[in-house]
Amino acid sequence: MRTAVYNRWLHTMGGGERHSCMAAAVLAEDRPVDLVTHRAVDRDKLAARLNIDLSNVNLKVIPALPPNRFVAFTRDYDLFVNASFMSSQPSAAGKSMMLVLFPSPVENTLWARIRKTVGMYLIKEMLLAEYHDGFYDIQELGRGWFRYASDESTVRIGVPQHSRELEVEVVCGNFRPAELGTISASCRVADQDIGTIAIEPEEGKYVRWVMKVPAGMARNSTLDLDLRCDVYNPESTLGKDDNRNIGLAVSDVAVASLRHQVYELLFRRLFPRLGLRLEGLPEYGSLDFLDSYQLICPISEFSLRWMRHYWNREGPILYPPVAVSDYKPGRKDSIVLSVGRFFGEGGHSKNHEFMIRSFAKMLRRGTGGWELHLAGNKGPRKIDEEYFDNLKRAAEGLPVTLHPDLSFEELKKLYERASIYWHASGYGENVDKNPVKFEHFGITTVEAMASGCVPVVINKGGQPELVSHGSDGLLWDSRQELIDLTVGLMEDRETLQRLSRKAVGSAARFSEDRFRRRLLELVESVA
């Protein structure tokens, strides 16, 4: 059975990536498995960082494809497992599973459905283009928006009901670097050439490409335009963080008509934010991709609850695998530890600065001799560097140590020494409005528990599924509770040791062996 496990974020090497890599390793025990991603990553480095044997897994790096092209790619597999965070890629494999870290938010209320119905009506009546084949997702640049076309793409437009010659306009640009030169593009309708264009590079500048379509070529009030253009790959050509094969930047396609002129006035000029939402509705407001999966498995009760809310779907929970047998309690020191990636804006914030400030406030209560250690992989972006530098400044003069990019062995030793574990993801956010900001499960919390650290973690997201308050750890809702509960443990060694012993036993619920058995059961139910 040819199998693929897909994770587009593999290069970040986080908890979600460990989930997908472990799935690939388990399935590779008795079948060939491709671990599919879009950015080059060293398999040995990945295996070492995530502490997984990937020797039987084939790491396959492909360009980031438009959704319909990706569907064609999946058709070569008997089993396709989509384990990529917030992915709405459909599948055409023989059998398909989706491992859901957290569901992409698509409001499914009555009011949301009414808005979508109205939006789709406006799209039809104002003759908006449908980007059928070969286009990437909509994105913004300056005051406008566009979609990148690949080498071959098809856009469908509505046309007035008449048979006269039509004038079609494609608003497009060449946003590639100047050194890559001109983009050449052509357009065909029903295998007949109707126009060509050459555009000089200038980011943010659009040109109007006007073509004549002979009478009688429209069918059922629609017209399909097949675009062909030069493409380049920013990653392979310029070393940028973008592994797409991109060409023409298409902002709008329409037949000259009063209806579309009304759309341009209302939604491109007067209310552009509404226009952007309207044009993104077919992609971001649709759950059709879910129908291509026979089984959808959330990673926690928390994710399942929001899957029901956003998608109105059920599915069996597949808790992430934690290598609990690799973690052992060591000689405990007066250390509070937190583990999470150092990501700036746009990442899944671990609230490091909040923990530093809380620890500083706690020290003023006289808890001398304790240290705070923050460990995690550091993001590669400039904004991540700035985030890390801000943390260093916040920690100056305090018994706080930052540990970026530790090896597995180094991290394990830190777990062994730590007595208390903190987790604060989501603090300050409204869980009902921004549930994605919270930890969906909490692999590092389980690793800490297996190492004998007593978890003192936020009482939100997936954390309450891992920690039973007063039995194997403590849960908090406010900064003051975090400080009070932590100080209480520091001053009560007997309770600290009791909770530590219970935490080690509780962590076994999420072992790799349990994950393996559960995954194979689910695959068997599908295949």
Foldseek 3Di string as FASTA:
>chain_A
DEEEEEAAPCQQLDQLNLQSLLLQQLVLVPHAYEHEYADDDDPVVSCQQSVHDCVSHHYHHDFDFAQVVVQVVQCVGQEYEYSYEADLRFHNHVAYEYEYQAYQFAFDDPVSVVVLVVLVVLCQQLFFKDFDDQWHAWDDDDLAIWIFGAQKTKIKTFAPPDFAKWKKKWKWAWADDQVVFKKKKWKDWPNHTFDIDIHHHDPPDIDIDITIDHGPRDDPRMTMIMMGMQWDACCVPPVDPHRHTGGMTTGGMYIDDPSNVVCCCPCSPPNVVVNVCSVNCVPSNDNVSVVNHPAYEYQFPLNQVVCCRRPVDHHHHQHGAAALVVAAAAAAAQEEEEEDEQDAPPDLDQPLLVVLVLVVVLVVVPLPRHAYEYEYEFDDDPRSVVSVVVSVVSCPPHRYYYHYPDTPVVVSVVLNHHLAYETEFPQPHDCVVCVVSHRQACNVQLNSLSRLHAYEYEPDHNVCVQDDDQQQHHYDHDSVRSSVVVVVCSVDVVSSNRSSVRSSVSSVVRHSVVSSVVSVVVVVVGD
